[in-house]
């Protein structure tokens, strides 16, 4: 039986940068799942407009918010020097497309407080957080407003820290997941291909089982859950639902760039890797020329995200996937084209 908190074991992962759309939320709902929007990189006004569009559908949905990292905002002098050096390294990439790299933006917190204020003034059914913990005060305020709060974690240590704030559930992200890691504690397994401390979980189901043994909150599994078999495995390991992202990227309702969608079906792409090259934060992408050429990119989120934005936009406009952030989980080759509704139904019909 679906957990009463979600009423479905299929939750669409919030994918920032335009991939998650109200149309995708609707299609996921029609298939029997729960859709999510993503506030990352959007202004508070744009976030609120998307909420209004989704609410007009008359269906439940969630919104994901990025938590700013106090360790990087603003970066110190040494970090700024590394960012400036990386900007110089990227100049040939910009010249390739005839674009100009912007000055470094060193104090962008993604309008954190404004977005929280907006979500308190106009509550949605679910709010999830990534890249850190929102703080007990924010969790409590959202819950009092009627919102179910979900914190994202990548390890038992992070799960224990998150549970202290009293969220309603945890999204447990394995390293196999596509896009940015949600890791926020130093040395987290999700921060690199090989953990620096602790015993790594080989699969999403194994990580869920580890977290399940440590905390009593409902868990949402995230990472390479590409079909009903994978969904059954994480549910059996202790998850109440799975958060599915990569499997939805190629769907009709996804707002992902066409070059991104096409790359999933291109046999030239044969592997994924964690990279900081595009945004300054570790994220799993298909390995393309940009990933290979900038393997030593420094930490520096979101400054590097803004720095590479013109290159990524030009790459997309040119239909060139070699300098585009092709976020993908390790199971990307099984992602289907067509309607997201059909994708969700295929998952749920196989349970």
Protein backbone atom coordinates (compact mmCIF):
# COMPACT_ATOMS: atom_id res chain seq x y z
CA UNK A 1 0.00 0.00 0.00
CA UNK A 2 1.27 3.52 -0.77
CA UNK A 3 2.44 5.50 2.25
CA UNK A 4 -0.35 7.89 3.32
CA UNK A 5 2.10 10.78 3.33
CA UNK A 6 2.54 10.56 -0.45
CA UNK A 7 -0.32 8.28 -1.63
CA UNK A 8 2.00 6.91 -4.32
CA UNK A 9 5.38 5.18 -4.47
CA UNK A 10 6.38 7.24 -7.56
CA UNK A 11 7.65 10.78 -6.98
CA UNK A 12 9.08 12.82 -9.83
CA UNK A 13 12.48 14.20 -8.88
CA UNK A 14 12.66 17.99 -8.93
CA UNK A 15 15.03 18.90 -11.77
CA UNK A 16 16.18 22.53 -11.83
CA UNK A 17 17.17 24.42 -14.94
CA UNK A 18 13.83 24.02 -16.70
CA UNK A 19 13.42 20.23 -16.83
CA UNK A 20 10.64 20.10 -14.25
CA UNK A 21 7.55 21.86 -15.60
CA UNK A 22 3.86 22.14 -14.71
CA UNK A 23 3.18 19.97 -17.77
CA UNK A 24 5.46 17.28 -16.32
CA UNK A 25 3.73 17.58 -12.93
CA UNK A 26 0.39 17.03 -14.64
CA UNK A 27 1.59 14.06 -16.72
CA UNK A 28 3.15 12.39 -13.67
CA UNK A 29 -0.09 12.85 -11.72
CA UNK A 30 -2.15 11.38 -14.54
CA UNK A 31 0.06 8.31 -14.40
CA UNK A 32 -0.48 7.91 -10.67
CA UNK A 33 2.61 9.69 -9.34
CA UNK A 34 3.43 12.88 -7.46
CA UNK A 35 5.03 15.70 -9.44
CA UNK A 36 7.61 18.21 -8.25
CA UNK A 37 8.74 21.60 -9.46
CA UNK A 38 12.19 23.09 -8.84
CA UNK A 39 12.84 26.60 -7.52
CA UNK A 40 16.59 26.44 -8.16
CA UNK A 41 17.92 29.29 -10.34
CA UNK A 42 14.47 30.87 -10.58
CA UNK A 43 13.49 34.22 -9.15
CA UNK A 44 10.89 34.15 -6.36
CA UNK A 45 8.44 35.65 -8.86
CA UNK A 46 9.08 32.88 -11.40
CA UNK A 47 8.75 30.26 -8.68
CA UNK A 48 5.41 31.70 -7.61
CA UNK A 49 4.21 31.81 -11.21
CA UNK A 50 4.98 28.13 -11.63
CA UNK A 51 3.19 27.35 -8.39
CA UNK A 52 0.13 29.21 -9.68
CA UNK A 53 0.27 27.26 -12.95
CA UNK A 54 0.52 23.93 -11.16
CA UNK A 55 -2.17 24.85 -8.64
CA UNK A 56 -4.57 25.66 -11.46
CA UNK A 57 -4.43 21.97 -12.38
CA UNK A 58 -6.13 21.08 -9.11
CA UNK A 59 -3.64 18.34 -8.19
CA UNK A 60 -1.10 17.90 -5.37
CA UNK A 61 2.52 18.75 -6.12
CA UNK A 62 5.76 19.76 -4.48
CA UNK A 63 8.47 22.41 -4.78
CA UNK A 64 12.19 21.90 -4.23
CA UNK A 65 14.44 24.64 -2.82
CA UNK A 66 18.25 24.83 -2.78
CA UNK A 67 19.78 25.57 0.62
CA UNK A 68 22.68 28.05 0.38
CA UNK A 69 26.04 26.83 1.63
CA UNK A 70 27.38 29.13 4.35
CA UNK A 71 30.89 27.76 3.72
CA UNK A 72 30.94 29.25 0.22
CA UNK A 73 28.90 32.45 0.50
CA UNK A 74 30.88 34.56 0.11
CA UNK A 75 34.02 32.62 -0.86
CA UNK A 76 37.32 33.55 0.74
CA UNK A 77 40.32 35.08 -1.07
CA UNK A 78 41.91 31.73 -1.95
CA UNK A 79 38.63 30.42 -3.33
CA UNK A 80 38.16 33.58 -5.37
CA UNK A 81 41.66 33.15 -6.84
CA UNK A 82 40.78 29.58 -7.89
CA UNK A 83 37.56 30.80 -9.47
CA UNK A 84 39.38 33.53 -11.39
CA UNK A 85 41.88 30.96 -12.65
CA UNK A 86 39.02 28.75 -13.81
CA UNK A 87 37.43 31.72 -15.56
CA UNK A 88 40.66 32.16 -17.51
CA UNK A 89 40.66 28.43 -18.32
CA UNK A 90 37.17 28.77 -19.76
CA UNK A 91 37.94 31.66 -22.11
CA UNK A 92 38.61 29.36 -25.10
CA UNK A 93 35.24 27.70 -24.51
CA UNK A 94 33.53 31.08 -24.71
CA UNK A 95 35.52 32.05 -27.79
CA UNK A 96 34.39 28.86 -29.52
CA UNK A 97 30.82 30.19 -29.57
CA UNK A 98 31.54 33.90 -29.66
CA UNK A 99 30.11 34.56 -26.21
CA UNK A 100 31.46 36.50 -23.25
CA UNK A 101 31.99 35.06 -19.80
CA UNK A 102 30.31 37.15 -17.10
CA UNK A 103 32.07 38.57 -14.06
CA UNK A 104 32.11 36.27 -11.06
CA UNK A 105 28.98 36.34 -8.90
CA UNK A 106 30.17 35.61 -5.39
CA UNK A 107 27.17 36.29 -3.15
CA UNK A 108 24.20 34.57 -4.82
CA UNK A 109 22.09 32.64 -2.27
CA UNK A 110 19.38 31.85 -4.84
CA UNK A 111 16.98 34.27 -3.10
CA UNK A 112 16.70 31.82 -0.22
CA UNK A 113 14.75 33.93 2.27
CA UNK A 114 12.44 35.39 -0.35
CA UNK A 115 11.51 31.90 -1.55
CA UNK A 116 10.86 30.67 1.97
CA UNK A 117 8.70 33.72 2.64
CA UNK A 118 6.74 33.06 -0.55
CA UNK A 119 6.20 29.39 0.36
CA UNK A 120 4.94 30.40 3.79
CA UNK A 121 2.59 33.00 2.35
CA UNK A 122 1.28 30.66 -0.34
CA UNK A 123 1.88 27.10 0.90
CA UNK A 124 2.16 24.07 -1.36
CA UNK A 125 1.54 20.46 -0.37
CA UNK A 126 5.21 19.41 -0.31
CA UNK A 127 8.52 21.26 -0.03
CA UNK A 128 11.83 19.45 -0.31
CA UNK A 129 15.30 20.81 0.34
CA UNK A 130 18.66 19.97 -1.22
CA UNK A 131 22.31 20.96 -0.68
CA UNK A 132 21.86 21.40 3.05
CA UNK A 133 19.43 21.60 5.94
CA UNK A 134 16.92 24.46 6.08
CA UNK A 135 16.98 24.80 9.87
CA UNK A 136 14.41 23.72 12.43
CA UNK A 137 12.70 27.11 12.40
CA UNK A 138 12.00 26.86 8.66
CA UNK A 139 10.86 23.25 8.94
CA UNK A 140 8.44 24.07 11.76
CA UNK A 141 7.07 27.16 10.04
CA UNK A 142 6.34 25.27 6.82
CA UNK A 143 4.69 22.43 8.72
CA UNK A 144 2.49 24.91 10.59
CA UNK A 145 1.47 26.30 7.19
CA UNK A 146 0.31 22.83 6.18
CA UNK A 147 3.30 21.74 4.11
CA UNK A 148 4.94 18.32 4.25
CA UNK A 149 8.70 18.88 4.55
CA UNK A 150 11.32 16.60 2.98
CA UNK A 151 15.07 16.94 3.56
CA UNK A 152 17.58 15.39 1.15
CA UNK A 153 20.47 13.31 2.50
CA UNK A 154 23.19 11.06 1.10
CA UNK A 155 24.44 9.17 4.15
CA UNK A 156 23.47 7.92 7.58
CA UNK A 157 25.31 10.84 9.19
CA UNK A 158 23.34 13.33 7.10
CA UNK A 159 20.10 11.50 7.83
CA UNK A 160 20.71 11.72 11.58
CA UNK A 161 21.50 15.44 11.30
CA UNK A 162 18.40 16.07 9.19
CA UNK A 163 16.13 14.11 11.54
CA UNK A 164 17.09 16.47 14.38
CA UNK A 165 15.20 19.25 12.59
CA UNK A 166 11.94 17.29 12.51
CA UNK A 167 11.11 16.96 8.80
CA UNK A 168 8.26 14.69 7.73
CA UNK A 169 10.43 12.53 5.46
CA UNK A 170 13.92 12.15 4.00
CA UNK A 171 14.94 11.81 0.36
CA UNK A 172 17.89 9.40 0.40
CA UNK A 173 20.12 10.00 -2.61
CA UNK A 174 22.68 7.44 -3.75
CA UNK A 175 25.75 8.36 -5.81
CA UNK A 176 24.16 6.73 -8.87
CA UNK A 177 21.62 9.57 -9.11
CA UNK A 178 21.85 12.05 -11.95
CA UNK A 179 22.47 15.75 -11.48
CA UNK A 180 23.77 17.45 -8.38
CA UNK A 181 24.60 15.58 -5.24
CA UNK A 182 22.55 16.64 -2.24
CA UNK A 183 25.55 16.01 0.03
CA UNK A 184 26.21 18.66 2.66
CA UNK A 185 28.53 17.08 5.23
CA UNK A 186 32.30 16.95 4.51
CA UNK A 187 33.44 13.56 3.33
CA UNK A 188 29.97 12.44 2.29
CA UNK A 189 29.97 9.47 -0.10
CA UNK A 190 27.97 11.49 -2.59
CA UNK A 191 30.67 14.14 -2.84
CA UNK A 192 32.93 11.95 -4.95
CA UNK A 193 33.06 8.65 -6.76
CA UNK A 194 34.84 7.03 -3.82
CA UNK A 195 33.88 7.93 -0.26
CA UNK A 196 36.59 9.28 1.97
CA UNK A 197 35.08 7.83 5.10
CA UNK A 198 32.68 5.06 6.05
CA UNK A 199 31.47 2.06 4.12
CA UNK A 200 29.95 2.97 0.76
CA UNK A 201 26.52 1.66 -0.18
CA UNK A 202 26.84 -0.16 -3.49
CA UNK A 203 23.22 0.43 -4.49
CA UNK A 204 20.37 2.77 -3.70
CA UNK A 205 18.54 -0.06 -1.95
CA UNK A 206 21.56 -0.71 0.27
CA UNK A 207 21.83 2.95 1.22
CA UNK A 208 18.13 3.08 2.04
CA UNK A 209 18.52 0.03 4.27
CA UNK A 210 21.41 1.72 6.11
CA UNK A 211 19.39 4.89 6.68
CA UNK A 212 16.27 2.88 7.57
CA UNK A 213 18.21 1.24 10.40
CA UNK A 214 19.22 4.65 11.77
CA UNK A 215 16.07 6.80 11.55
CA UNK A 216 12.35 6.19 11.77
CA UNK A 217 11.17 8.77 9.24
CA UNK A 218 9.56 7.81 5.93
CA UNK A 219 12.24 7.51 3.24
CA UNK A 220 12.23 8.34 -0.46
CA UNK A 221 14.88 6.48 -2.45
CA UNK A 222 16.76 8.34 -5.19
CA UNK A 223 19.36 6.99 -7.59
CA UNK A 224 19.14 4.78 -10.70
CA UNK A 225 15.61 3.52 -10.02
CA UNK A 226 14.90 3.00 -13.71
CA UNK A 227 12.00 0.52 -13.77
CA UNK A 228 9.43 -1.31 -11.67
CA UNK A 229 12.01 -3.86 -10.57
CA UNK A 230 14.22 -1.11 -9.18
CA UNK A 231 11.18 0.42 -7.51
CA UNK A 232 10.31 -2.88 -5.88
CA UNK A 233 13.88 -3.24 -4.60
CA UNK A 234 13.98 0.12 -2.84
CA UNK A 235 10.52 -0.37 -1.39
CA UNK A 236 11.61 -3.75 -0.03
CA UNK A 237 14.70 -2.12 1.50
CA UNK A 238 12.60 0.26 3.57
CA UNK A 239 11.67 3.17 1.31
CA UNK A 240 8.09 4.44 1.18
CA UNK A 241 8.57 5.79 -2.34
CA UNK A 242 11.20 6.44 -4.99
CA UNK A 243 12.22 9.77 -6.50
CA UNK A 244 12.58 9.34 -10.26
CA UNK A 245 14.45 11.85 -12.41
CA UNK A 246 16.61 10.42 -15.19
CA UNK A 247 13.76 8.24 -16.47
CA UNK A 248 11.69 11.38 -17.11
CA UNK A 249 14.28 13.54 -18.87
CA UNK A 250 13.43 12.35 -22.40
CA UNK A 251 9.65 12.53 -21.99
CA UNK A 252 7.44 14.85 -24.01
CA UNK A 253 6.56 16.96 -20.98
CA UNK A 254 10.12 17.39 -19.77
CA UNK A 255 11.56 20.86 -20.29
CA UNK A 256 15.10 19.53 -20.75
CA UNK A 257 17.03 20.94 -23.70
CA UNK A 258 16.63 18.89 -26.86
CA UNK A 259 20.38 18.26 -27.05
CA UNK A 260 20.17 16.78 -23.55
CA UNK A 261 17.28 14.50 -24.51
CA UNK A 262 19.00 13.42 -27.71
CA UNK A 263 22.25 12.62 -25.91
CA UNK A 264 20.47 9.93 -23.90
CA UNK A 265 19.90 8.00 -27.12
CA UNK A 266 23.28 8.76 -28.68
CA UNK A 267 25.63 5.73 -28.63
CA UNK A 268 28.60 8.12 -28.60
CA UNK A 269 27.93 8.62 -24.88
CA UNK A 270 29.00 5.57 -22.94
CA UNK A 271 29.47 6.60 -19.32
CA UNK A 272 28.64 9.07 -16.59
CA UNK A 273 30.91 10.75 -14.06
CA UNK A 274 30.75 13.17 -11.17
CA UNK A 275 32.00 16.59 -12.24
CA UNK A 276 32.27 20.13 -10.90
CA UNK A 277 33.06 21.56 -14.34
CA UNK A 278 29.63 23.04 -15.05
CA UNK A 279 28.52 24.46 -11.71
CA UNK A 280 31.28 24.12 -9.13
CA UNK A 281 29.26 21.48 -7.29
CA UNK A 282 29.62 17.74 -7.87
CA UNK A 283 26.97 16.43 -10.23
CA UNK A 284 26.59 13.28 -12.30
CA UNK A 285 26.65 13.95 -16.05
CA UNK A 286 27.22 12.04 -19.25
CA UNK A 287 30.92 12.30 -20.01
CA UNK A 288 31.42 14.76 -22.88
CA UNK A 289 34.31 16.96 -23.98
CA UNK A 290 33.63 19.62 -21.34
CA UNK A 291 33.75 17.05 -18.55
CA UNK A 292 36.98 15.56 -19.90
CA UNK A 293 38.65 18.93 -20.50
CA UNK A 294 37.92 20.35 -17.04
CA UNK A 295 38.45 17.47 -14.66
CA UNK A 296 40.18 19.72 -12.14
CA UNK A 297 37.41 22.33 -11.91
CA UNK A 298 37.35 23.90 -8.44
CA UNK A 299 34.56 23.91 -5.93
CA UNK A 300 32.58 27.08 -6.23
CA UNK A 301 28.81 26.81 -6.39
CA UNK A 302 26.89 28.73 -7.65
CA UNK A 303 29.61 31.05 -8.98
CA UNK A 304 30.73 28.53 -11.62
CA UNK A 305 27.12 27.82 -12.58
CA UNK A 306 26.73 31.47 -13.55
CA UNK A 307 30.19 31.56 -15.15
CA UNK A 308 29.50 28.67 -17.54
CA UNK A 309 25.89 29.64 -18.32
CA UNK A 310 26.67 31.45 -21.62
CA UNK A 311 28.76 28.52 -22.87
CA UNK A 312 26.06 26.02 -21.99
CA UNK A 313 23.35 28.13 -23.62
CA UNK A 314 25.40 28.56 -26.78
CA UNK A 315 26.19 24.86 -26.87
CA UNK A 316 22.49 24.07 -26.65
CA UNK A 317 21.58 26.60 -29.32
CA UNK A 318 24.16 25.05 -31.63
CA UNK A 319 22.83 21.56 -30.96
CA UNK A 320 26.25 20.65 -29.60
CA UNK A 321 26.04 18.30 -26.60
CA UNK A 322 29.79 18.38 -25.98
CA UNK A 323 29.68 21.49 -23.77
CA UNK A 324 26.28 21.05 -22.23
CA UNK A 325 25.57 19.76 -18.73
CA UNK A 326 24.03 16.40 -19.60
CA UNK A 327 22.82 15.42 -16.14
CA UNK A 328 22.17 11.68 -16.05
CA UNK A 329 21.99 8.88 -13.55
CA UNK A 330 23.87 5.67 -14.17
CA UNK A 331 20.79 4.05 -15.72
CA UNK A 332 20.29 6.74 -18.37
CA UNK A 333 20.31 4.25 -21.27
CA UNK A 334 16.94 2.92 -20.12
CA UNK A 335 15.22 6.31 -20.19
CA UNK A 336 12.21 6.24 -22.54
CA UNK A 337 10.78 8.76 -24.95
CA UNK A 338 7.04 9.45 -25.06
CA UNK A 339 4.62 10.60 -22.41
CA UNK A 340 5.66 10.83 -18.77
CA UNK A 341 2.22 9.44 -17.94
CA UNK A 342 3.12 6.19 -19.68
CA UNK A 343 6.50 6.06 -17.90
CA UNK A 344 4.84 6.37 -14.50
CA UNK A 345 2.21 3.75 -15.36
CA UNK A 346 4.91 1.31 -16.46
CA UNK A 347 6.58 1.65 -13.06
CA UNK A 348 3.39 1.26 -11.07
CA UNK A 349 1.87 -1.50 -13.17
CA UNK A 350 4.93 -3.62 -12.50
CA UNK A 351 4.53 -3.56 -8.73
